[in-house]
Each structure stands twice: as C-alpha cells, then as structure tokens.
C-alpha cells in the first residue's frame, strides 16, 4: 500500500465524504475546504494540486474508492413482441467505520458524574497532606484548597458564582473549612501547589495501569487572552479586533500543554505545561519516562515533530516501540546514531509501511483526549498570571482524568483506589 493509499484510507475512516451529483466532496486534511472527485469518467480525477501536478490517483481519489462499494446488477427483460432488453444498474453504498457506544454505561456515568467526581476528588486530596506551620496566621489546608481549585475548574463558572457549589460540598464534608473566593484565586497563583497537582494527576491515572499499554504524545494550546481557536492562531490566520485597532494573534497568547495519553481510555499519564514558544520534541523523553515509572509501555506514537534520535532512544530505553514517522528527505544515516537504532527504525518505516501505519494511527486518540478536555472544561484559561495559568491547566487535566475514571467504572467495572502504597 502506497503512502497516498494509506492517507486515503485515513481520510475515508475519519472524514465526512458526501456525494453531489456525479462528484464526491472530500474534505481537505488541512481543514481549508473540499476537493471534488469524479469517479464516473474513464480516468478518475480530482481538483486537488497533487492530481493537477501528477495526473495520477491522489489520496482523495483513494479515499472515495475506499468509501464507495459498487455493486453492478444485470437484469434481462422480454417484451410482448419478443424483444430482449438487458439493463445494468449500479448500486452505490457509502460505508464508514463506526465504533460501538455502550449507551447504558454512558448514561449511568453521565447522570452520576458530579456525585462521583466530588467523592473521587476528595479521596485523591486526602493523600496530599499539609506542611507543618509553626508560626503566622493559620492557613487553609492544602487538601481543601486543591479540592476547591479542581472543583472550580470542573464547574467552568466564575469563582464568585462557584461559591454556591463549594458551600454544598462543605455541607457534605468534602472540605473542612470554607474559603472565600479570593483565597481560591490566591492559591491558583501559588508555585507550591504545582508539584502537588502533578502528583495528583499521576495518582489519578494509576487505577488504569492494567488496561493501558499503548500511548500517544502530542501538544495543544489553551488561550490566555483573545478568545480564538488554537488551530487558527497556530497558523497565524486570525486578526483580533481591539476597539478601533486590530492585531495579529501571536503565540504568546497561548499556553502549550504537552501530554502522554493512553489510547484505550484517554487517561493522561504525564503532562508538561510550557509557554507557546516551547518546542514539542524536547518534551518527549520526560513524558515517556514519567509514564514508564507507573505503566508497562508497549508502544508510543507521535507525529513527525517528535522525529529525532534522542526520542527514539528514550522510547526504547523504556521498553516501548516508537511509532514516529520520518520527515520528508530523511535518510537512514544520522550523526547521533551510534547504536544503529535510527537506521533500524528508518528501514522498518520504509519497508513495513502498512504495519507501521496501523500502529501509528493510534496517535489520533491524543486528539480525542484534547477534544474531551476542551469540550468539557473549555479551551481557554481565566487566570492572568503565568503560575496561575499553569495550575489551572493542570486542574483541567486532573478533572479530565477523574471523569475518565468515572466512565471506566461503568464501562470496565473499575473500582479505583488511591494511595494504596501509603495505605
């Protein structure tokens, strides 16, 4: 299977390909429009630049061919005069790959999510502990403040309006003291809480140790200023109006979240939050190493941005098979390749394309993870300072992991327990 066929198969599985008369409309993978494919002519054609240049089958034509099943039926009829007429009809059936949804489990998880979220978050926060205070004004316990911060992010409303929900949680015994909204805002700006949030994210993923063995790594952006989509700002296509002036959206208006996620449940096993200018590739080794401390990694996937000798070694060092495609123009020789790993992976990628792509396409699950977070908890941050933005982003990840655990409780009969080592 050629590269174009593989990309066509990928489009057929994910895109919404529709028919308009004799033409098929295939969405562009860049999201910038649709191409028209004509299969009814003697030679299939497409309006994309690749076909216009090569005059041969492009990935969009292959996508339509994978999507459409043609079944020809020939019928013969005889009229009263004895004349025989043969008619050939063609039935076109559009097939798309679908995934079953366990609706009873989903419905139960959704209807009981908030109740279980409060319980699981409280159980997680019990393992935080609070440093001893020898003098000064008594502080709120870290357990209570982290609970309040994460619950506030889960609620997706302003801190002032959130106080009603927090009073209900206090009445149920989930927090020992009821802080005011200013205290919650101040604790978001505390650097002391950042490592605690990382610890809770790690702990919240542990109940899925026996389920997850394949992982995917990628990054996304969360807005901290102008309310624009990360995709648009990433490619510099958007101008934002400020009164009578306008300016181009810059990357410093965003915070980048780098994650390693399991491809079965979408639980996040490791996370790093950086500024918008930070590269993706340097984050790969730490994400893999943090995940490998708690999970038996079988394979890890990443896009071409992670293609480097250091990243391949990081994956293999942690007993994981790296499925990272090579960039165009890459050869089997690399100046850092002392062990021959780069050459081996390049040959595997070149001569086992079908097997490689089957495993690599698990990477798309990381996009689902980002979609879940942004759809449920928003694609922007309310905090103003850098530290508060990092802590708020980490709270989004923590809330996502707890929601994943709740879904797994009903779909996989999971019974999550935390801090088992300490117990």
Protein backbone atom coordinates (compact mmCIF):
# COMPACT_ATOMS: atom_id res chain seq x y z
CA UNK A 1 0.00 0.00 0.00
CA UNK A 2 1.47 3.34 -1.07
CA UNK A 3 1.64 6.47 1.08
CA UNK A 4 -1.25 8.04 -0.83
CA UNK A 5 -3.36 4.93 -0.35
CA UNK A 6 -2.66 4.98 3.38
CA UNK A 7 -3.61 8.64 3.63
CA UNK A 8 -6.72 7.94 1.56
CA UNK A 9 -7.69 5.16 3.95
CA UNK A 10 -7.19 7.51 6.86
CA UNK A 11 -9.43 10.15 5.23
CA UNK A 12 -12.11 7.54 4.45
CA UNK A 13 -12.19 6.43 8.09
CA UNK A 14 -12.40 9.91 9.61
CA UNK A 15 -13.82 12.40 7.11
CA UNK A 16 -17.42 13.01 6.09
CA UNK A 17 -17.30 12.25 2.36
CA UNK A 18 -20.53 13.23 0.59
CA UNK A 19 -21.90 12.90 -2.94
CA UNK A 20 -23.11 15.83 -5.04
CA UNK A 21 -24.45 14.63 -8.37
CA UNK A 22 -21.65 12.80 -10.16
CA UNK A 23 -18.99 14.27 -7.88
CA UNK A 24 -17.73 13.31 -4.45
CA UNK A 25 -16.79 16.05 -1.99
CA UNK A 26 -13.72 15.14 0.08
CA UNK A 27 -12.67 17.46 2.96
CA UNK A 28 -9.09 18.71 2.88
CA UNK A 29 -6.96 17.38 5.75
CA UNK A 30 -5.83 20.94 6.43
CA UNK A 31 -9.46 21.93 7.02
CA UNK A 32 -9.37 24.63 4.36
CA UNK A 33 -12.05 23.39 2.03
CA UNK A 34 -13.20 20.40 -0.03
CA UNK A 35 -11.94 18.77 -3.22
CA UNK A 36 -14.19 17.36 -5.93
CA UNK A 37 -13.51 13.80 -7.07
CA UNK A 38 -15.05 12.35 -10.23
CA UNK A 39 -15.08 8.55 -10.47
CA UNK A 40 -17.60 8.34 -13.32
CA UNK A 41 -15.13 9.28 -16.06
CA UNK A 42 -12.81 6.80 -17.76
CA UNK A 43 -9.98 8.11 -15.63
CA UNK A 44 -10.75 9.29 -12.05
CA UNK A 45 -9.94 12.93 -11.47
CA UNK A 46 -9.64 15.35 -8.56
CA UNK A 47 -9.39 19.12 -8.19
CA UNK A 48 -6.51 18.99 -5.67
CA UNK A 49 -3.00 20.32 -6.54
CA UNK A 50 -1.44 16.84 -6.25
CA UNK A 51 -3.63 15.41 -9.01
CA UNK A 52 -3.26 18.56 -11.11
CA UNK A 53 0.53 18.17 -10.99
CA UNK A 54 0.86 14.36 -11.33
CA UNK A 55 -2.28 13.47 -13.29
CA UNK A 56 -2.49 10.27 -11.28
CA UNK A 57 -4.54 8.99 -8.35
CA UNK A 58 -4.24 11.20 -5.28
CA UNK A 59 -5.19 10.43 -1.68
CA UNK A 60 -8.66 11.95 -2.20
CA UNK A 61 -9.43 9.56 -5.06
CA UNK A 62 -8.24 6.63 -2.96
CA UNK A 63 -10.42 7.88 -0.08
CA UNK A 64 -13.54 7.81 -2.27
CA UNK A 65 -12.63 4.36 -3.62
CA UNK A 66 -12.24 3.04 -0.08
CA UNK A 67 -15.55 4.62 0.92
CA UNK A 68 -17.69 3.52 -2.02
CA UNK A 69 -18.70 -0.05 -2.78
CA UNK A 70 -20.00 -0.53 -6.29
CA UNK A 71 -22.32 -3.42 -6.95
CA UNK A 72 -23.44 -3.94 -10.54
CA UNK A 73 -26.62 -5.90 -11.23
CA UNK A 74 -27.62 -7.04 -14.73
CA UNK A 75 -31.31 -7.76 -15.46
CA UNK A 76 -32.83 -9.10 -18.70
CA UNK A 77 -36.44 -8.37 -19.70
CA UNK A 78 -38.54 -9.55 -22.68
CA UNK A 79 -41.46 -7.51 -24.02
CA UNK A 80 -44.65 -8.76 -25.75
CA UNK A 81 -43.01 -8.70 -29.19
CA UNK A 82 -40.24 -10.98 -28.04
CA UNK A 83 -37.58 -8.29 -27.92
CA UNK A 84 -34.99 -8.79 -25.21
CA UNK A 85 -33.57 -5.84 -23.25
CA UNK A 86 -30.56 -6.06 -20.95
CA UNK A 87 -30.22 -3.41 -18.22
CA UNK A 88 -27.23 -2.89 -15.95
CA UNK A 89 -27.84 -0.99 -12.73
CA UNK A 90 -25.23 0.22 -10.27
CA UNK A 91 -25.88 0.48 -6.56
CA UNK A 92 -23.60 2.81 -4.65
CA UNK A 93 -23.23 2.16 -0.96
CA UNK A 94 -21.27 4.54 1.24
CA UNK A 95 -19.62 2.78 4.16
CA UNK A 96 -17.92 4.42 7.12
CA UNK A 97 -16.17 2.82 10.01
CA UNK A 98 -18.19 3.18 13.20
CA UNK A 99 -17.41 2.43 16.82
CA UNK A 100 -19.97 0.94 19.19
CA UNK A 101 -21.13 3.05 22.12
CA UNK A 102 -22.19 1.30 25.32
CA UNK A 103 -25.12 3.61 25.92
CA UNK A 104 -26.36 2.19 29.26
CA UNK A 105 -22.88 2.61 30.78
CA UNK A 106 -22.50 6.05 29.22
CA UNK A 107 -25.88 7.20 30.53
CA UNK A 108 -25.11 5.99 34.04
CA UNK A 109 -21.71 7.68 34.04
CA UNK A 110 -23.17 10.98 32.86
CA UNK A 111 -26.08 11.04 35.28
CA UNK A 112 -23.89 10.22 38.29
CA UNK A 113 -20.70 12.02 37.24
CA UNK A 114 -20.85 15.05 39.54
CA UNK A 115 -21.58 12.99 42.65
CA UNK A 116 -18.75 10.58 41.91
CA UNK A 117 -16.42 13.40 40.87
CA UNK A 118 -16.69 15.01 44.30
CA UNK A 119 -16.09 11.70 46.03
CA UNK A 120 -13.06 10.71 43.93
CA UNK A 121 -11.53 14.19 44.10
CA UNK A 122 -11.90 14.15 47.87
CA UNK A 123 -10.22 10.73 48.05
CA UNK A 124 -7.34 11.98 45.93
CA UNK A 125 -6.83 15.11 48.01
CA UNK A 126 -6.65 13.05 51.21
CA UNK A 127 -3.16 11.93 50.22
CA UNK A 128 -1.75 15.43 49.80
CA UNK A 129 -1.07 16.32 53.40
CA UNK A 130 -0.15 19.78 54.63
CA UNK A 131 3.26 21.11 55.72
CA UNK A 132 3.61 21.95 59.39
CA UNK A 133 3.02 25.59 60.31
CA UNK A 134 4.98 26.84 63.34
CA UNK A 135 4.01 30.50 63.27
CA UNK A 136 1.89 33.08 61.48
CA UNK A 137 -1.76 33.23 60.65
CA UNK A 138 -3.34 29.75 60.30
CA UNK A 139 -3.58 28.71 56.66
CA UNK A 140 -6.17 26.64 54.88
CA UNK A 141 -5.17 23.01 54.45
CA UNK A 142 -3.74 22.08 51.05
CA UNK A 143 -6.31 19.28 50.76
CA UNK A 144 -9.17 21.77 51.00
CA UNK A 145 -7.63 24.31 48.62
CA UNK A 146 -6.68 21.80 45.92
CA UNK A 147 -10.18 20.33 46.17
CA UNK A 148 -11.67 23.83 45.77
CA UNK A 149 -9.39 24.68 42.81
CA UNK A 150 -10.12 21.47 40.90
CA UNK A 151 -13.86 21.64 41.65
CA UNK A 152 -13.92 25.26 40.48
CA UNK A 153 -12.32 24.28 37.14
CA UNK A 154 -14.78 21.39 36.82
CA UNK A 155 -17.71 23.77 37.32
CA UNK A 156 -16.48 26.04 34.41
CA UNK A 157 -18.02 29.13 36.08
CA UNK A 158 -16.51 32.18 37.75
CA UNK A 159 -15.06 31.86 41.24
CA UNK A 160 -17.75 34.05 42.78
CA UNK A 161 -20.65 32.05 41.31
CA UNK A 162 -18.81 28.83 42.17
CA UNK A 163 -19.13 29.57 45.91
CA UNK A 164 -22.66 28.10 45.98
CA UNK A 165 -21.32 24.72 44.79
CA UNK A 166 -18.45 24.90 47.28
CA UNK A 167 -20.87 25.55 50.16
CA UNK A 168 -22.79 22.40 49.18
CA UNK A 169 -19.52 20.44 49.13
CA UNK A 170 -18.65 21.85 52.57
CA UNK A 171 -22.03 20.77 53.87
CA UNK A 172 -21.35 17.24 52.65
CA UNK A 173 -17.99 17.15 54.45
CA UNK A 174 -15.71 17.27 51.41
CA UNK A 175 -13.85 20.34 52.76
CA UNK A 176 -13.20 21.04 56.43
CA UNK A 177 -13.11 24.84 56.02
CA UNK A 178 -14.99 27.09 53.62
CA UNK A 179 -12.56 29.51 51.95
CA UNK A 180 -13.67 32.76 50.33
CA UNK A 181 -13.37 33.23 46.56
CA UNK A 182 -10.31 35.48 46.91
CA UNK A 183 -8.45 32.74 48.76
CA UNK A 184 -9.10 30.30 45.91
CA UNK A 185 -7.78 32.84 43.39
CA UNK A 186 -4.67 33.45 45.51
CA UNK A 187 -3.90 29.73 45.80
CA UNK A 188 -4.03 29.38 41.99
CA UNK A 189 -1.04 31.75 41.97
CA UNK A 190 1.00 29.61 44.37
CA UNK A 191 4.02 27.82 42.87
CA UNK A 192 3.97 25.46 45.86
CA UNK A 193 0.84 23.74 44.52
CA UNK A 194 2.22 22.92 41.05
CA UNK A 195 4.12 19.73 42.09
CA UNK A 196 1.11 18.63 44.15
CA UNK A 197 -1.12 18.86 41.07
CA UNK A 198 1.41 16.81 39.07
CA UNK A 199 1.35 14.22 41.85
CA UNK A 200 -2.45 14.03 41.82
CA UNK A 201 -2.54 13.63 38.03
CA UNK A 202 -0.10 10.75 38.30
CA UNK A 203 -2.11 9.14 41.11
CA UNK A 204 -5.41 9.55 39.23
CA UNK A 205 -4.02 7.53 36.30
CA UNK A 206 -2.75 4.60 38.38
CA UNK A 207 -6.08 2.68 38.60
CA UNK A 208 -5.78 2.10 34.82
CA UNK A 209 -2.32 0.51 34.99
CA UNK A 210 -3.59 -2.91 33.96
CA UNK A 211 -5.55 -1.53 31.00
CA UNK A 212 -3.22 0.90 29.24
CA UNK A 213 -0.09 -0.28 27.43
CA UNK A 214 -0.10 1.78 24.22
CA UNK A 215 0.39 5.54 24.44
CA UNK A 216 0.37 8.67 22.28
CA UNK A 217 2.10 12.02 22.75
CA UNK A 218 1.19 15.46 21.41
CA UNK A 219 0.59 19.06 22.48
CA UNK A 220 -2.17 21.65 22.20
CA UNK A 221 -2.73 25.27 23.15
CA UNK A 222 -5.04 26.91 25.65
CA UNK A 223 -5.95 30.54 25.14
CA UNK A 224 -4.99 33.03 27.85
CA UNK A 225 -6.01 36.22 26.05
CA UNK A 226 -8.08 36.69 22.89
CA UNK A 227 -10.84 34.09 22.54
CA UNK A 228 -9.65 32.38 19.37
CA UNK A 229 -9.11 28.77 18.40
CA UNK A 230 -5.62 27.33 18.83
CA UNK A 231 -5.66 25.96 15.25
CA UNK A 232 -6.20 29.43 13.80
CA UNK A 233 -3.61 31.16 15.94
CA UNK A 234 -1.10 28.34 15.36
CA UNK A 235 -1.05 29.07 11.64
CA UNK A 236 -1.29 32.85 12.03
CA UNK A 237 -4.55 33.23 10.13
CA UNK A 238 -6.53 35.33 12.59
CA UNK A 239 -6.69 39.03 13.40
CA UNK A 240 -8.42 40.12 16.59
CA UNK A 241 -10.24 43.43 16.91
CA UNK A 242 -9.42 45.61 19.94
CA UNK A 243 -11.63 48.69 19.77
CA UNK A 244 -10.60 50.64 16.68
CA UNK A 245 -7.40 48.64 16.14
CA UNK A 246 -6.61 45.11 15.10
CA UNK A 247 -3.56 42.95 15.52
CA UNK A 248 -2.40 39.51 14.51
CA UNK A 249 -2.85 36.74 17.07
CA UNK A 250 0.59 35.76 18.35
CA UNK A 251 1.67 32.55 20.02
CA UNK A 252 2.44 34.30 23.30
CA UNK A 253 -1.36 34.48 23.73
CA UNK A 254 -1.33 30.76 24.43
CA UNK A 255 -0.08 28.17 26.90
CA UNK A 256 1.01 24.80 25.50
CA UNK A 257 0.03 21.57 27.21
CA UNK A 258 2.12 18.50 26.34
CA UNK A 259 0.61 15.15 27.33
CA UNK A 260 1.13 11.42 27.14
CA UNK A 261 -2.22 9.63 26.99
CA UNK A 262 -3.37 6.03 26.93
CA UNK A 263 -5.08 5.17 23.64
CA UNK A 264 -7.83 2.99 25.15
CA UNK A 265 -9.34 5.15 27.89
CA UNK A 266 -7.71 8.53 27.05
CA UNK A 267 -6.32 8.84 30.57
CA UNK A 268 -3.37 11.26 30.81
CA UNK A 269 -0.32 9.65 32.39
CA UNK A 270 2.14 12.56 32.16
CA UNK A 271 1.85 16.28 31.44
CA UNK A 272 4.09 19.30 30.96
CA UNK A 273 2.85 22.90 30.65
CA UNK A 274 5.08 25.35 28.77
CA UNK A 275 4.84 28.70 27.02
CA UNK A 276 3.70 28.85 23.41
CA UNK A 277 7.24 29.05 22.01
CA UNK A 278 8.44 25.77 23.56
CA UNK A 279 9.19 23.00 21.08
CA UNK A 280 7.34 19.69 21.15
CA UNK A 281 10.26 17.33 20.60
CA UNK A 282 12.27 18.19 23.77
CA UNK A 283 9.26 17.28 25.95
CA UNK A 284 9.07 13.72 24.59
CA UNK A 285 11.73 11.98 26.77
CA UNK A 286 10.35 13.27 30.07
CA UNK A 287 6.76 12.38 29.16
CA UNK A 288 7.87 8.85 28.28
CA UNK A 289 9.99 8.45 31.40
CA UNK A 290 7.25 9.73 33.72
CA UNK A 291 4.76 7.33 32.15
CA UNK A 292 7.17 4.37 32.29
CA UNK A 293 7.54 4.79 36.05
CA UNK A 294 3.95 3.62 36.52
CA UNK A 295 2.96 1.80 33.32
CA UNK A 296 4.41 -1.10 31.32
CA UNK A 297 4.74 0.64 27.97
CA UNK A 298 4.43 -1.49 24.85
CA UNK A 299 4.46 1.27 22.23
CA UNK A 300 4.31 5.04 21.96
CA UNK A 301 3.20 7.12 18.97
CA UNK A 302 3.96 10.69 17.97
CA UNK A 303 3.82 12.76 14.81
CA UNK A 304 6.78 13.94 12.73
CA UNK A 305 7.51 16.79 15.14
CA UNK A 306 8.97 14.17 17.51
CA UNK A 307 11.23 12.56 14.92
CA UNK A 308 14.71 12.59 16.50
CA UNK A 309 17.37 10.10 17.54
CA UNK A 310 17.07 11.17 21.18
CA UNK A 311 13.34 10.46 21.23
CA UNK A 312 13.75 7.03 19.64
CA UNK A 313 16.32 6.14 22.29
CA UNK A 314 14.08 7.44 25.07
CA UNK A 315 11.24 5.16 23.94
CA UNK A 316 13.41 2.05 23.52
CA UNK A 317 15.17 2.74 26.83
CA UNK A 318 11.77 2.41 28.48
CA UNK A 319 10.91 -0.83 26.60
CA UNK A 320 8.43 0.93 24.26
CA UNK A 321 8.32 0.56 20.48
CA UNK A 322 8.38 4.09 18.96
CA UNK A 323 5.98 4.73 16.08
CA UNK A 324 7.19 8.13 14.89
CA UNK A 325 7.16 8.74 11.12
CA UNK A 326 10.25 10.22 9.48
CA UNK A 327 10.21 13.63 7.86
CA UNK A 328 10.44 14.03 4.08
CA UNK A 329 14.00 13.85 2.81
CA UNK A 330 15.24 11.87 5.82
CA UNK A 331 17.83 9.14 5.19
CA UNK A 332 18.90 6.14 7.22
CA UNK A 333 22.04 7.92 8.40
CA UNK A 334 22.12 10.17 11.47
CA UNK A 335 25.16 11.70 13.11
CA UNK A 336 23.80 10.81 16.59
CA UNK A 337 23.07 7.20 15.60
CA UNK A 338 25.84 5.38 17.47
CA UNK A 339 23.78 2.26 18.23
CA UNK A 340 22.17 1.83 14.81
CA UNK A 341 18.66 2.42 16.20
CA UNK A 342 17.91 5.27 13.80
CA UNK A 343 18.85 3.15 10.78
CA UNK A 344 16.81 0.18 12.02
CA UNK A 345 13.69 2.28 12.57
CA UNK A 346 14.14 4.03 9.21
CA UNK A 347 14.27 0.68 7.40
CA UNK A 348 11.25 -0.58 9.34
CA UNK A 349 9.35 2.60 8.45
CA UNK A 350 10.35 2.37 4.77
CA UNK A 351 9.69 -1.33 4.14
CA UNK A 352 6.81 -2.09 6.53
CA UNK A 353 4.56 0.85 5.80
CA UNK A 354 1.25 -0.95 6.28
CA UNK A 355 2.17 -2.39 9.69
CA UNK A 356 3.78 0.87 10.78
CA UNK A 357 0.74 2.97 9.85
CA UNK A 358 -1.68 0.58 11.56
CA UNK A 359 0.10 1.20 14.84
CA UNK A 360 0.88 4.86 14.18
CA UNK A 361 -2.79 5.71 13.66
CA UNK A 362 -3.38 5.06 17.35
CA UNK A 363 -1.87 8.52 17.72
CA UNK A 364 -5.23 10.02 16.72
CA UNK A 365 -6.51 9.15 20.19
CA UNK A 366 -4.46 12.00 21.65
CA UNK A 367 -6.55 14.38 19.54
CA UNK A 368 -9.65 12.82 21.10
CA UNK A 369 -8.17 13.49 24.54
CA UNK A 370 -7.67 17.18 23.75
CA UNK A 371 -11.17 17.37 22.32
CA UNK A 372 -12.62 15.86 25.50
CA UNK A 373 -10.81 18.38 27.71
CA UNK A 374 -11.74 21.43 25.66
CA UNK A 375 -15.36 20.40 25.11
CA UNK A 376 -15.96 19.75 28.80
CA UNK A 377 -13.75 22.29 30.56
CA UNK A 378 -13.20 24.95 27.92
CA UNK A 379 -10.35 25.79 25.55
CA UNK A 380 -9.20 28.92 27.41
CA UNK A 381 -7.78 29.86 30.82
CA UNK A 382 -9.29 32.50 33.10
CA UNK A 383 -6.13 33.14 35.15
CA UNK A 384 -3.96 36.18 34.49
CA UNK A 385 -0.52 35.27 35.87
CA UNK A 386 1.83 32.63 34.50
CA UNK A 387 1.81 30.41 37.60
CA UNK A 388 -1.97 30.56 37.90
CA UNK A 389 -2.33 29.62 34.23
CA UNK A 390 -0.10 26.57 34.72
CA UNK A 391 -2.04 25.46 37.79
CA UNK A 392 -5.38 26.00 36.05
CA UNK A 393 -4.24 23.93 33.04
CA UNK A 394 -3.10 21.15 35.39
CA UNK A 395 -6.50 21.25 37.12
CA UNK A 396 -8.17 20.71 33.74
CA UNK A 397 -6.03 17.62 33.22
CA UNK A 398 -6.79 16.35 36.73
CA UNK A 399 -10.54 16.83 36.19
CA UNK A 400 -10.30 15.01 32.86
CA UNK A 401 -8.60 12.01 34.49
CA UNK A 402 -11.28 11.77 37.17
CA UNK A 403 -14.01 11.88 34.51
CA UNK A 404 -12.20 9.09 32.62
CA UNK A 405 -12.13 7.02 35.83
CA UNK A 406 -15.87 7.51 36.29
CA UNK A 407 -16.54 6.36 32.73
CA UNK A 408 -14.30 3.32 33.30
CA UNK A 409 -16.20 2.46 36.49
CA UNK A 410 -19.33 1.80 34.42
CA UNK A 411 -17.81 0.51 31.17
CA UNK A 412 -14.96 -1.61 32.60
CA UNK A 413 -16.31 -2.27 36.10
CA UNK A 414 -13.30 -0.43 37.53
CA UNK A 415 -13.11 0.23 41.28
CA UNK A 416 -10.49 2.96 41.68
CA UNK A 417 -8.44 3.12 44.85
CA UNK A 418 -5.79 5.73 45.62
CA UNK A 419 -2.66 5.90 47.74
CA UNK A 420 -2.51 2.10 48.09
CA UNK A 421 1.26 2.22 48.73
CA UNK A 422 0.85 4.69 51.59
CA UNK A 423 -2.01 2.64 53.00
